Amino acid sequence: MPALTKLLLNSLAVFAAAAILPGVRLNNFFTAIVVAIVLGLVNTVIRPILFLLTLPINILTLGLFTFVIIGCLTLLVSYIVPGFEVDGFWWAVLFAIVLAVFNSFISS
């Protein structure tokens, strides 16, 4: 799948997830594109480092600490991107889960 097509589909997934969840707000579709880009960069660069650093905790919690990492990264993106607001940690986790479900449907 070409990169531009994948970016637009991920942006649509971000926009749809924000429309479904009342605790997540986007200003417009351009903000959804920026969120998709920043979220992709954060998941590519920071997420593997955090997984390695928190591996013992992740093993002890049988992988449930992964939700904490994903929620924190989503909150980080909401602090970086103006126009993307998340009301709290649990909304960030739920947004990431809904986004993962949308992306799995898009990828298949």
PDB file of N, CA and C in Angstrom:
ATOM      1  N   MET A   1       0.853  -1.172   0.000  1.00  0.00           N
ATOM      2  CA  MET A   1       0.000   0.000   0.000  1.00  0.00           C
ATOM      3  C   MET A   1       0.902   1.239   0.000  1.00  0.00           C
ATOM      4  N   PRO A   2       0.667   2.177  -0.905  1.00  0.00           N
ATOM      5  CA  PRO A   2       1.484   3.392  -0.938  1.00  0.00           C
ATOM      6  C   PRO A   2       1.385   4.183   0.371  1.00  0.00           C
ATOM      7  N   ALA A   3       2.432   4.914   0.670  1.00  0.00           N
ATOM      8  CA  ALA A   3       2.516   5.632   1.950  1.00  0.00           C
ATOM      9  C   ALA A   3       1.422   6.691   2.080  1.00  0.00           C
ATOM     10  N   LEU A   4       1.130   7.392   1.005  1.00  0.00           N
ATOM     11  CA  LEU A   4       0.108   8.434   1.070  1.00  0.00           C
ATOM     12  C   LEU A   4      -1.272   7.843   1.326  1.00  0.00           C
ATOM     13  N   THR A   5      -1.569   6.723   0.716  1.00  0.00           N
ATOM     14  CA  THR A   5      -2.847   6.055   0.940  1.00  0.00           C
ATOM     15  C   THR A   5      -2.957   5.579   2.380  1.00  0.00           C
ATOM     16  N   LYS A   6      -1.873   5.012   2.884  1.00  0.00           N
ATOM     17  CA  LYS A   6      -1.870   4.540   4.267  1.00  0.00           C
ATOM     18  C   LYS A   6      -2.031   5.703   5.241  1.00  0.00           C
ATOM     19  N   LEU A   7      -1.383   6.830   4.952  1.00  0.00           N
ATOM     20  CA  LEU A   7      -1.515   8.013   5.805  1.00  0.00           C
ATOM     21  C   LEU A   7      -2.955   8.525   5.814  1.00  0.00           C
ATOM     22  N   LEU A   8      -3.585   8.582   4.654  1.00  0.00           N
ATOM     23  CA  LEU A   8      -4.969   9.053   4.596  1.00  0.00           C
ATOM     24  C   LEU A   8      -5.927   8.100   5.308  1.00  0.00           C
ATOM     25  N   LEU A   9      -5.698   6.791   5.172  1.00  0.00           N
ATOM     26  CA  LEU A   9      -6.553   5.830   5.868  1.00  0.00           C
ATOM     27  C   LEU A   9      -6.348   5.902   7.381  1.00  0.00           C
ATOM     28  N   ASN A  10      -5.099   6.070   7.821  1.00  0.00           N
ATOM     29  CA  ASN A  10      -4.852   6.235   9.253  1.00  0.00           C
ATOM     30  C   ASN A  10      -5.465   7.527   9.776  1.00  0.00           C
ATOM     31  N   SER A  11      -5.429   8.579   8.961  1.00  0.00           N
ATOM     32  CA  SER A  11      -6.059   9.844   9.353  1.00  0.00           C
ATOM     33  C   SER A  11      -7.570   9.689   9.471  1.00  0.00           C
ATOM     34  N   LEU A  12      -8.162   8.940   8.549  1.00  0.00           N
ATOM     35  CA  LEU A  12      -9.602   8.659   8.651  1.00  0.00           C
ATOM     36  C   LEU A  12      -9.914   7.856   9.907  1.00  0.00           C
ATOM     37  N   ALA A  13      -9.038   6.918  10.259  1.00  0.00           N
ATOM     38  CA  ALA A  13      -9.233   6.135  11.482  1.00  0.00           C
ATOM     39  C   ALA A  13      -9.137   7.025  12.717  1.00  0.00           C
ATOM     40  N   VAL A  14      -8.178   7.950  12.736  1.00  0.00           N
ATOM     41  CA  VAL A  14      -8.050   8.895  13.852  1.00  0.00           C
ATOM     42  C   VAL A  14      -9.286   9.767  13.939  1.00  0.00           C
ATOM     43  N   PHE A  15      -9.748  10.257  12.800  1.00  0.00           N
ATOM     44  CA  PHE A  15     -10.929  11.122  12.771  1.00  0.00           C
ATOM     45  C   PHE A  15     -12.177  10.371  13.240  1.00  0.00           C
ATOM     46  N   ALA A  16     -12.331   9.119  12.802  1.00  0.00           N
ATOM     47  CA  ALA A  16     -13.494   8.321  13.203  1.00  0.00           C
ATOM     48  C   ALA A  16     -13.434   7.972  14.691  1.00  0.00           C
ATOM     49  N   ALA A  17     -12.261   7.631  15.187  1.00  0.00           N
ATOM     50  CA  ALA A  17     -12.132   7.299  16.610  1.00  0.00           C
ATOM     51  C   ALA A  17     -12.432   8.514  17.475  1.00  0.00           C
ATOM     52  N   ALA A  18     -11.993   9.686  17.035  1.00  0.00           N
ATOM     53  CA  ALA A  18     -12.284  10.906  17.784  1.00  0.00           C
ATOM     54  C   ALA A  18     -13.768  11.257  17.718  1.00  0.00           C
ATOM     55  N   ALA A  19     -14.420  10.918  16.617  1.00  0.00           N
ATOM     56  CA  ALA A  19     -15.854  11.199  16.493  1.00  0.00           C
ATOM     57  C   ALA A  19     -16.676  10.268  17.377  1.00  0.00           C
ATOM     58  N   ILE A  20     -16.201   9.047  17.575  1.00  0.00           N
ATOM     59  CA  ILE A  20     -16.935   8.079  18.391  1.00  0.00           C
ATOM     60  C   ILE A  20     -16.782   8.358  19.886  1.00  0.00           C
ATOM     61  N   LEU A  21     -15.583   8.716  20.305  1.00  0.00           N
ATOM     62  CA  LEU A  21     -15.300   8.873  21.732  1.00  0.00           C
ATOM     63  C   LEU A  21     -15.535  10.314  22.177  1.00  0.00           C
ATOM     64  N   PRO A  22     -16.356  10.523  23.190  1.00  0.00           N
ATOM     65  CA  PRO A  22     -16.632  11.896  23.632  1.00  0.00           C
ATOM     66  C   PRO A  22     -15.466  12.543  24.381  1.00  0.00           C
ATOM     67  N   GLY A  23     -14.521  11.778  24.856  1.00  0.00           N
ATOM     68  CA  GLY A  23     -13.398  12.343  25.597  1.00  0.00           C
ATOM     69  C   GLY A  23     -12.231  12.742  24.720  1.00  0.00           C
ATOM     70  N   VAL A  24     -12.372  12.590  23.404  1.00  0.00           N
ATOM     71  CA  VAL A  24     -11.305  12.926  22.455  1.00  0.00           C
ATOM     72  C   VAL A  24     -11.872  13.916  21.446  1.00  0.00           C
ATOM     73  N   ARG A  25     -11.140  15.023  21.248  1.00  0.00           N
ATOM     74  CA  ARG A  25     -11.614  16.059  20.332  1.00  0.00           C
ATOM     75  C   ARG A  25     -10.538  16.427  19.310  1.00  0.00           C
ATOM     76  N   LEU A  26     -10.982  16.603  18.078  1.00  0.00           N
ATOM     77  CA  LEU A  26     -10.134  17.072  16.977  1.00  0.00           C
ATOM     78  C   LEU A  26     -10.750  18.325  16.395  1.00  0.00           C
ATOM     79  N   ASN A  27      -9.921  19.281  15.988  1.00  0.00           N
ATOM     80  CA  ASN A  27     -10.450  20.494  15.380  1.00  0.00           C
ATOM     81  C   ASN A  27     -10.959  20.251  13.963  1.00  0.00           C
ATOM     82  N   ASN A  28     -10.153  19.568  13.146  1.00  0.00           N
ATOM     83  CA  ASN A  28     -10.530  19.342  11.755  1.00  0.00           C
ATOM     84  C   ASN A  28      -9.762  18.138  11.207  1.00  0.00           C
ATOM     85  N   PHE A  29      -9.955  17.859   9.927  1.00  0.00           N
ATOM     86  CA  PHE A  29      -9.309  16.690   9.326  1.00  0.00           C
ATOM     87  C   PHE A  29      -7.805  16.900   9.176  1.00  0.00           C
ATOM     88  N   PHE A  30      -7.380  18.134   8.959  1.00  0.00           N
ATOM     89  CA  PHE A  30      -5.944  18.401   8.884  1.00  0.00           C
ATOM     90  C   PHE A  30      -5.257  18.044  10.203  1.00  0.00           C
ATOM     91  N   THR A  31      -5.919  18.308  11.306  1.00  0.00           N
ATOM     92  CA  THR A  31      -5.381  17.924  12.612  1.00  0.00           C
ATOM     93  C   THR A  31      -5.285  16.409  12.716  1.00  0.00           C
ATOM     94  N   ALA A  32      -6.251  15.692  12.147  1.00  0.00           N
ATOM     95  CA  ALA A  32      -6.206  14.227  12.152  1.00  0.00           C
ATOM     96  C   ALA A  32      -5.004  13.720  11.352  1.00  0.00           C
ATOM     97  N   ILE A  33      -4.662  14.389  10.267  1.00  0.00           N
ATOM     98  CA  ILE A  33      -3.488  14.008   9.486  1.00  0.00           C
ATOM     99  C   ILE A  33      -2.218  14.212  10.304  1.00  0.00           C
ATOM    100  N   VAL A  34      -2.137  15.359  10.988  1.00  0.00           N
ATOM    101  CA  VAL A  34      -0.964  15.645  11.817  1.00  0.00           C
ATOM    102  C   VAL A  34      -0.878  14.647  12.973  1.00  0.00           C
ATOM    103  N   VAL A  35      -2.010  14.309  13.585  1.00  0.00           N
ATOM    104  CA  VAL A  35      -2.028  13.327  14.672  1.00  0.00           C
ATOM    105  C   VAL A  35      -1.554  11.966  14.161  1.00  0.00           C
ATOM    106  N   ALA A  36      -1.994  11.570  12.987  1.00  0.00           N
ATOM    107  CA  ALA A  36      -1.573  10.283  12.426  1.00  0.00           C
ATOM    108  C   ALA A  36      -0.064  10.259  12.183  1.00  0.00           C
ATOM    109  N   ILE A  37       0.491  11.360  11.699  1.00  0.00           N
ATOM    110  CA  ILE A  37       1.930  11.431  11.444  1.00  0.00           C
ATOM    111  C   ILE A  37       2.706  11.383  12.755  1.00  0.00           C
ATOM    112  N   VAL A  38       2.310  12.215  13.721  1.00  0.00           N
ATOM    113  CA  VAL A  38       3.030  12.272  15.003  1.00  0.00           C
ATOM    114  C   VAL A  38       2.872  10.954  15.757  1.00  0.00           C
ATOM    115  N   LEU A  39       1.689  10.368  15.735  1.00  0.00           N
ATOM    116  CA  LEU A  39       1.471   9.085  16.409  1.00  0.00           C
ATOM    117  C   LEU A  39       2.320   7.988  15.764  1.00  0.00           C
ATOM    118  N   GLY A  40       2.443   8.022  14.457  1.00  0.00           N
ATOM    119  CA  GLY A  40       3.309   7.059  13.775  1.00  0.00           C
ATOM    120  C   GLY A  40       4.769   7.229  14.154  1.00  0.00           C
ATOM    121  N   LEU A  41       5.225   8.472  14.246  1.00  0.00           N
ATOM    122  CA  LEU A  41       6.609   8.734  14.647  1.00  0.00           C
ATOM    123  C   LEU A  41       6.865   8.320  16.090  1.00  0.00           C
ATOM    124  N   VAL A  42       5.933   8.646  16.972  1.00  0.00           N
ATOM    125  CA  VAL A  42       6.084   8.287  18.388  1.00  0.00           C
ATOM    126  C   VAL A  42       6.085   6.774  18.551  1.00  0.00           C
ATOM    127  N   ASN A  43       5.201   6.092  17.834  1.00  0.00           N
ATOM    128  CA  ASN A  43       5.153   4.629  17.934  1.00  0.00           C
ATOM    129  C   ASN A  43       6.382   3.972  17.313  1.00  0.00           C
ATOM    130  N   THR A  44       7.004   4.634  16.360  1.00  0.00           N
ATOM    131  CA  THR A  44       8.194   4.070  15.725  1.00  0.00           C
ATOM    132  C   THR A  44       9.451   4.304  16.558  1.00  0.00           C
ATOM    133  N   VAL A  45       9.559   5.470  17.184  1.00  0.00           N
ATOM    134  CA  VAL A  45      10.796   5.839  17.868  1.00  0.00           C
ATOM    135  C   VAL A  45      10.733   5.569  19.377  1.00  0.00           C
ATOM    136  N   ILE A  46       9.731   6.090  20.039  1.00  0.00           N
ATOM    137  CA  ILE A  46       9.697   6.068  21.508  1.00  0.00           C
ATOM    138  C   ILE A  46       9.141   4.767  22.066  1.00  0.00           C
ATOM    139  N   ARG A  47       8.135   4.207  21.423  1.00  0.00           N
ATOM    140  CA  ARG A  47       7.470   3.015  21.962  1.00  0.00           C
ATOM    141  C   ARG A  47       8.409   1.815  22.156  1.00  0.00           C
ATOM    142  N   PRO A  48       9.264   1.472  21.192  1.00  0.00           N
ATOM    143  CA  PRO A  48      10.168   0.336  21.442  1.00  0.00           C
ATOM    144  C   PRO A  48      11.135   0.579  22.606  1.00  0.00           C
ATOM    145  N   ILE A  49      11.583   1.812  22.754  1.00  0.00           N
ATOM    146  CA  ILE A  49      12.476   2.132  23.867  1.00  0.00           C
ATOM    147  C   ILE A  49      11.758   1.956  25.193  1.00  0.00           C
ATOM    148  N   LEU A  50      10.513   2.446  25.273  1.00  0.00           N
ATOM    149  CA  LEU A  50       9.743   2.282  26.509  1.00  0.00           C
ATOM    150  C   LEU A  50       9.442   0.816  26.804  1.00  0.00           C
ATOM    151  N   PHE A  51       9.172   0.033  25.761  1.00  0.00           N
ATOM    152  CA  PHE A  51       8.930  -1.399  25.968  1.00  0.00           C
ATOM    153  C   PHE A  51      10.159  -2.091  26.537  1.00  0.00           C
ATOM    154  N   LEU A  52      11.320  -1.746  26.030  1.00  0.00           N
ATOM    155  CA  LEU A  52      12.542  -2.359  26.553  1.00  0.00           C
ATOM    156  C   LEU A  52      12.817  -1.936  27.994  1.00  0.00           C
ATOM    157  N   LEU A  53      12.591  -0.656  28.295  1.00  0.00           N
ATOM    158  CA  LEU A  53      12.854  -0.167  29.649  1.00  0.00           C
ATOM    159  C   LEU A  53      11.880  -0.732  30.676  1.00  0.00           C
ATOM    160  N   THR A  54      10.671  -1.010  30.247  1.00  0.00           N
ATOM    161  CA  THR A  54       9.645  -1.491  31.184  1.00  0.00           C
ATOM    162  C   THR A  54       9.368  -2.979  31.021  1.00  0.00           C
ATOM    163  N   LEU A  55      10.280  -3.697  30.399  1.00  0.00           N
ATOM    164  CA  LEU A  55      10.070  -5.128  30.156  1.00  0.00           C
ATOM    165  C   LEU A  55       9.825  -5.933  31.438  1.00  0.00           C
ATOM    166  N   PRO A  56      10.569  -5.707  32.523  1.00  0.00           N
ATOM    167  CA  PRO A  56      10.273  -6.479  33.740  1.00  0.00           C
ATOM    168  C   PRO A  56       8.862  -6.229  34.289  1.00  0.00           C
ATOM    169  N   ILE A  57       8.436  -4.979  34.272  1.00  0.00           N
ATOM    170  CA  ILE A  57       7.075  -4.664  34.748  1.00  0.00           C
ATOM    171  C   ILE A  57       6.042  -5.281  33.819  1.00  0.00           C
ATOM    172  N   ASN A  58       6.321  -5.236  32.525  1.00  0.00           N
ATOM    173  CA  ASN A  58       5.405  -5.802  31.543  1.00  0.00           C
ATOM    174  C   ASN A  58       5.281  -7.312  31.717  1.00  0.00           C
ATOM    175  N   ILE A  59       6.371  -7.971  32.034  1.00  0.00           N
ATOM    176  CA  ILE A  59       6.328  -9.419  32.259  1.00  0.00           C
ATOM    177  C   ILE A  59       5.548  -9.731  33.530  1.00  0.00           C
ATOM    178  N   LEU A  60       5.788  -8.953  34.574  1.00  0.00           N
ATOM    179  CA  LEU A  60       5.080  -9.187  35.840  1.00  0.00           C
ATOM    180  C   LEU A  60       3.573  -8.985  35.722  1.00  0.00           C
ATOM    181  N   THR A  61       3.153  -8.039  34.894  1.00  0.00           N
ATOM    182  CA  THR A  61       1.725  -7.763  34.738  1.00  0.00           C
ATOM    183  C   THR A  61       1.111  -8.525  33.565  1.00  0.00           C
ATOM    184  N   LEU A  62       1.875  -9.453  32.998  1.00  0.00           N
ATOM    185  CA  LEU A  62       1.415 -10.280  31.876  1.00  0.00           C
ATOM    186  C   LEU A  62       0.990  -9.434  30.669  1.00  0.00           C
ATOM    187  N   GLY A  63       1.716  -8.355  30.433  1.00  0.00           N
ATOM    188  CA  GLY A  63       1.472  -7.519  29.276  1.00  0.00           C
ATOM    189  C   GLY A  63       0.480  -6.396  29.473  1.00  0.00           C
ATOM    190  N   LEU A  64      -0.146  -6.317  30.638  1.00  0.00           N
ATOM    191  CA  LEU A  64      -1.139  -5.266  30.863  1.00  0.00           C
ATOM    192  C   LEU A  64      -0.511  -3.879  30.986  1.00  0.00           C
ATOM    193  N   PHE A  65       0.771  -3.821  31.329  1.00  0.00           N
ATOM    194  CA  PHE A  65       1.439  -2.527  31.420  1.00  0.00           C
ATOM    195  C   PHE A  65       1.576  -1.879  30.044  1.00  0.00           C
ATOM    196  N   THR A  66       1.397  -2.657  28.999  1.00  0.00           N
ATOM    197  CA  THR A  66       1.418  -2.118  27.639  1.00  0.00           C
ATOM    198  C   THR A  66       0.335  -1.059  27.461  1.00  0.00           C
ATOM    199  N   PHE A  67      -0.814  -1.251  28.094  1.00  0.00           N
ATOM    200  CA  PHE A  67      -1.888  -0.259  28.010  1.00  0.00           C
ATOM    201  C   PHE A  67      -1.468   1.061  28.643  1.00  0.00           C
ATOM    202  N   VAL A  68      -0.693   1.000  29.702  1.00  0.00           N
ATOM    203  CA  VAL A  68      -0.190   2.220  30.338  1.00  0.00           C
ATOM    204  C   VAL A  68       0.744   2.955  29.379  1.00  0.00           C
ATOM    205  N   ILE A  69       1.624   2.213  28.723  1.00  0.00           N
ATOM    206  CA  ILE A  69       2.552   2.827  27.773  1.00  0.00           C
ATOM    207  C   ILE A  69       1.792   3.458  26.612  1.00  0.00           C
ATOM    208  N   ILE A  70       0.825   2.744  26.071  1.00  0.00           N
ATOM    209  CA  ILE A  70       0.057   3.255  24.940  1.00  0.00           C
ATOM    210  C   ILE A  70      -0.739   4.496  25.345  1.00  0.00           C
ATOM    211  N   GLY A  71      -1.336   4.479  26.521  1.00  0.00           N
ATOM    212  CA  GLY A  71      -2.073   5.646  27.007  1.00  0.00           C
ATOM    213  C   GLY A  71      -1.170   6.844  27.200  1.00  0.00           C
ATOM    214  N   CYS A  72       0.007   6.623  27.758  1.00  0.00           N
ATOM    215  CA  CYS A  72       0.952   7.729  27.959  1.00  0.00           C
ATOM    216  C   CYS A  72       1.435   8.302  26.631  1.00  0.00           C
ATOM    217  N   LEU A  73       1.664   7.452  25.651  1.00  0.00           N
ATOM    218  CA  LEU A  73       2.097   7.940  24.342  1.00  0.00           C
ATOM    219  C   LEU A  73       0.990   8.729  23.645  1.00  0.00           C
ATOM    220  N   THR A  74      -0.238   8.295  23.810  1.00  0.00           N
ATOM    221  CA  THR A  74      -1.362   9.048  23.233  1.00  0.00           C
ATOM    222  C   THR A  74      -1.504  10.404  23.911  1.00  0.00           C
ATOM    223  N   LEU A  75      -1.318  10.442  25.226  1.00  0.00           N
ATOM    224  CA  LEU A  75      -1.345  11.730  25.927  1.00  0.00           C
ATOM    225  C   LEU A  75      -0.190  12.624  25.482  1.00  0.00           C
ATOM    226  N   LEU A  76       0.972  12.029  25.229  1.00  0.00           N
ATOM    227  CA  LEU A  76       2.114  12.799  24.726  1.00  0.00           C
ATOM    228  C   LEU A  76       1.779  13.436  23.382  1.00  0.00           C
ATOM    229  N   VAL A  77       1.132  12.680  22.508  1.00  0.00           N
ATOM    230  CA  VAL A  77       0.740  13.226  21.205  1.00  0.00           C
ATOM    231  C   VAL A  77      -0.288  14.346  21.382  1.00  0.00           C
ATOM    232  N   SER A  78      -1.182  14.204  22.357  1.00  0.00           N
ATOM    233  CA  SER A  78      -2.174  15.265  22.580  1.00  0.00           C
ATOM    234  C   SER A  78      -1.519  16.539  23.111  1.00  0.00           C
ATOM    235  N   TYR A  79      -0.401  16.411  23.812  1.00  0.00           N
ATOM    236  CA  TYR A  79       0.330  17.592  24.265  1.00  0.00           C
ATOM    237  C   TYR A  79       1.138  18.225  23.134  1.00  0.00           C
ATOM    238  N   ILE A  80       1.587  17.423  22.193  1.00  0.00           N
ATOM    239  CA  ILE A  80       2.415  17.926  21.092  1.00  0.00           C
ATOM    240  C   ILE A  80       1.568  18.609  20.021  1.00  0.00           C
ATOM    241  N   VAL A  81       0.445  17.993  19.652  1.00  0.00           N
ATOM    242  CA  VAL A  81      -0.356  18.473  18.526  1.00  0.00           C
ATOM    243  C   VAL A  81      -1.456  19.416  19.018  1.00  0.00           C
ATOM    244  N   PRO A  82      -1.415  20.685  18.593  1.00  0.00           N
ATOM    245  CA  PRO A  82      -2.511  21.587  18.953  1.00  0.00           C
ATOM    246  C   PRO A  82      -3.779  21.220  18.179  1.00  0.00           C
ATOM    247  N   GLY A  83      -4.906  21.283  18.846  1.00  0.00           N
ATOM    248  CA  GLY A  83      -6.175  20.926  18.221  1.00  0.00           C
ATOM    249  C   GLY A  83      -6.586  19.489  18.465  1.00  0.00           C
ATOM    250  N   PHE A  84      -5.739  18.727  19.132  1.00  0.00           N
ATOM    251  CA  PHE A  84      -6.049  17.336  19.505  1.00  0.00           C
ATOM    252  C   PHE A  84      -6.047  17.278  21.025  1.00  0.00           C
ATOM    253  N   GLU A  85      -7.217  17.040  21.592  1.00  0.00           N
ATOM    254  CA  GLU A  85      -7.355  17.048  23.049  1.00  0.00           C
ATOM    255  C   GLU A  85      -7.910  15.714  23.530  1.00  0.00           C
ATOM    256  N   VAL A  86      -7.302  15.198  24.589  1.00  0.00           N
ATOM    257  CA  VAL A  86      -7.759  13.976  25.241  1.00  0.00           C
ATOM    258  C   VAL A  86      -8.027  14.328  26.694  1.00  0.00           C
ATOM    259  N   ASP A  87      -9.210  13.960  27.197  1.00  0.00           N
ATOM    260  CA  ASP A  87      -9.613  14.369  28.542  1.00  0.00           C
ATOM    261  C   ASP A  87      -8.845  13.693  29.660  1.00  0.00           C
ATOM    262  N   GLY A  88      -8.346  12.518  29.455  1.00  0.00           N
ATOM    263  CA  GLY A  88      -7.624  11.849  30.522  1.00  0.00           C
ATOM    264  C   GLY A  88      -6.949  10.582  30.046  1.00  0.00           C
ATOM    265  N   PHE A  89      -6.313   9.914  30.991  1.00  0.00           N
ATOM    266  CA  PHE A  89      -5.539   8.722  30.670  1.00  0.00           C
ATOM    267  C   PHE A  89      -6.411   7.615  30.092  1.00  0.00           C
ATOM    268  N   TRP A  90      -7.555   7.358  30.708  1.00  0.00           N
ATOM    269  CA  TRP A  90      -8.394   6.251  30.237  1.00  0.00           C
ATOM    270  C   TRP A  90      -9.007   6.532  28.877  1.00  0.00           C
ATOM    271  N   TRP A  91      -9.292   7.812  28.586  1.00  0.00           N
ATOM    272  CA  TRP A  91      -9.749   8.155  27.236  1.00  0.00           C
ATOM    273  C   TRP A  91      -8.630   7.931  26.234  1.00  0.00           C
ATOM    274  N   ALA A  92      -7.396   8.193  26.635  1.00  0.00           N
ATOM    275  CA  ALA A  92      -6.252   7.959  25.747  1.00  0.00           C
ATOM    276  C   ALA A  92      -6.089   6.473  25.459  1.00  0.00           C
ATOM    277  N   VAL A  93      -6.234   5.650  26.486  1.00  0.00           N
ATOM    278  CA  VAL A  93      -6.123   4.196  26.291  1.00  0.00           C
ATOM    279  C   VAL A  93      -7.247   3.699  25.385  1.00  0.00           C
ATOM    280  N   LEU A  94      -8.471   4.159  25.643  1.00  0.00           N
ATOM    281  CA  LEU A  94      -9.607   3.744  24.822  1.00  0.00           C
ATOM    282  C   LEU A  94      -9.453   4.218  23.382  1.00  0.00           C
ATOM    283  N   PHE A  95      -8.948   5.432  23.197  1.00  0.00           N
ATOM    284  CA  PHE A  95      -8.692   5.940  21.849  1.00  0.00           C
ATOM    285  C   PHE A  95      -7.683   5.060  21.128  1.00  0.00           C
ATOM    286  N   ALA A  96      -6.620   4.667  21.810  1.00  0.00           N
ATOM    287  CA  ALA A  96      -5.596   3.815  21.191  1.00  0.00           C
ATOM    288  C   ALA A  96      -6.159   2.445  20.827  1.00  0.00           C
ATOM    289  N   ILE A  97      -7.029   1.905  21.668  1.00  0.00           N
ATOM    290  CA  ILE A  97      -7.633   0.599  21.378  1.00  0.00           C
ATOM    291  C   ILE A  97      -8.568   0.693  20.173  1.00  0.00           C
ATOM    292  N   VAL A  98      -9.415   1.716  20.148  1.00  0.00           N
ATOM    293  CA  VAL A  98     -10.333   1.904  19.020  1.00  0.00           C
ATOM    294  C   VAL A  98      -9.541   2.138  17.736  1.00  0.00           C
ATOM    295  N   LEU A  99      -8.467   2.919  17.827  1.00  0.00           N
ATOM    296  CA  LEU A  99      -7.627   3.175  16.667  1.00  0.00           C
ATOM    297  C   LEU A  99      -6.960   1.893  16.173  1.00  0.00           C
ATOM    298  N   ALA A 100      -6.541   1.042  17.083  1.00  0.00           N
ATOM    299  CA  ALA A 100      -5.936  -0.234  16.693  1.00  0.00           C
ATOM    300  C   ALA A 100      -6.952  -1.139  16.003  1.00  0.00           C
ATOM    301  N   VAL A 101      -8.187  -1.136  16.478  1.00  0.00           N
ATOM    302  CA  VAL A 101      -9.239  -1.941  15.842  1.00  0.00           C
ATOM    303  C   VAL A 101      -9.519  -1.418  14.431  1.00  0.00           C
ATOM    304  N   PHE A 102      -9.646  -0.090  14.288  1.00  0.00           N
ATOM    305  CA  PHE A 102      -9.863   0.489  12.967  1.00  0.00           C
ATOM    306  C   PHE A 102      -8.716   0.160  12.023  1.00  0.00           C
ATOM    307  N   ASN A 103      -7.479   0.286  12.508  1.00  0.00           N
ATOM    308  CA  ASN A 103      -6.325   0.011  11.664  1.00  0.00           C
ATOM    309  C   ASN A 103      -6.219  -1.459  11.283  1.00  0.00           C
ATOM    310  N   SER A 104      -6.677  -2.349  12.147  1.00  0.00           N
ATOM    311  CA  SER A 104      -6.665  -3.778  11.785  1.00  0.00           C
ATOM    312  C   SER A 104      -7.673  -4.056  10.671  1.00  0.00           C
ATOM    313  N   PHE A 105      -8.823  -3.388  10.695  1.00  0.00           N
ATOM    314  CA  PHE A 105      -9.785  -3.549   9.608  1.00  0.00           C
ATOM    315  C   PHE A 105      -9.250  -2.947   8.316  1.00  0.00           C
ATOM    316  N   ILE A 106      -8.568  -1.817   8.426  1.00  0.00           N
ATOM    317  CA  ILE A 106      -8.014  -1.155   7.239  1.00  0.00           C
ATOM    318  C   ILE A 106      -6.917  -2.011   6.619  1.00  0.00           C
ATOM    319  N   SER A 107      -6.083  -2.604   7.456  1.00  0.00           N
ATOM    320  CA  SER A 107      -4.955  -3.392   6.955  1.00  0.00           C
ATOM    321  C   SER A 107      -5.380  -4.698   6.306  1.00  0.00           C
ATOM    322  N   SER A 108      -6.505  -5.244   6.750  1.00  0.00           N
ATOM    323  CA  SER A 108      -6.926  -6.548   6.203  1.00  0.00           C
ATOM    324  C   SER A 108      -7.709  -6.427   4.913  1.00  0.00           C
TER     325      SER A 108
END
